[in-house]
Amino acid sequence: MLRQFVTGGAGGFEPNAQGGGFGRIGIVPKNSFTFNVPAGSSSEMTLAQFLDTVGLVSGVLEVRVHAKTMATAGQSVTVGVYNVGYDPDNPNASFIASSASGSITISDDATETAPLLKIASLTTPITGLVRVKLTASQPAGGSGTFACTISVDIIARPA
C-alpha cells in the first residue's frame, strides 16, 4: 500500500470542518500487517513516498492500534515520518533525513493493549515533502511471525 505523491483531495489533506486551523492527512486506513523477520534484523516498507506537507508549521503522527500479536519479547513495529527532498533533475535519488521527525513504536509490552491510540509530535522544521515508513524488528534470538492492525494519520496545522 505505497502512496506515491499525496496532495489534497480524496485521501489527502482534509481541513477541519469546524475551522480550527488544522487538518487530517490520511496515510493508512485500518490495515493488517504480518511480519516474518529473521532474528536480529528488521524489515522496512514505505507507506507514503512523497507526502505533500508544504505550508505545515506543526504536526502530530497518530497511530491507532486496532490489534497486535507479538509472542517474542523485543518484537516491535515502528511508524516514522522522515523529511525528504525531491529533485526533478535526479528523480531516482532518495534524499531522506537520517532520523525521523516523529515516530511511534508498537512493542510487545503487555500494558499496550488494543484498542490503543499512540501519538508523537513532529519536530520542526517540516520540509515540503515527507516519507512515512513502517519498520518491523525482530530481536536477536527472536523467532516467529508477529502482526498488527493499525491506521495512520498526520494531524497537521498549516501556516
Foldseek 3Di string as FASTA:
>chain_A
DEAEEADDDVQAWDDDPVNPQKTKRWQFDWDKDKDFDDAADKDKDWRYHWYFPPQFAWKKKKKWWAAKFDDDAPKKKKKFKWAWDADPVCRVDTGTDPDGQWMDMDGPPPVDGPRDMDMTIGHDDHDRTMIIMMMIHHHHVGGDMIMTTMTIMMMTGGD
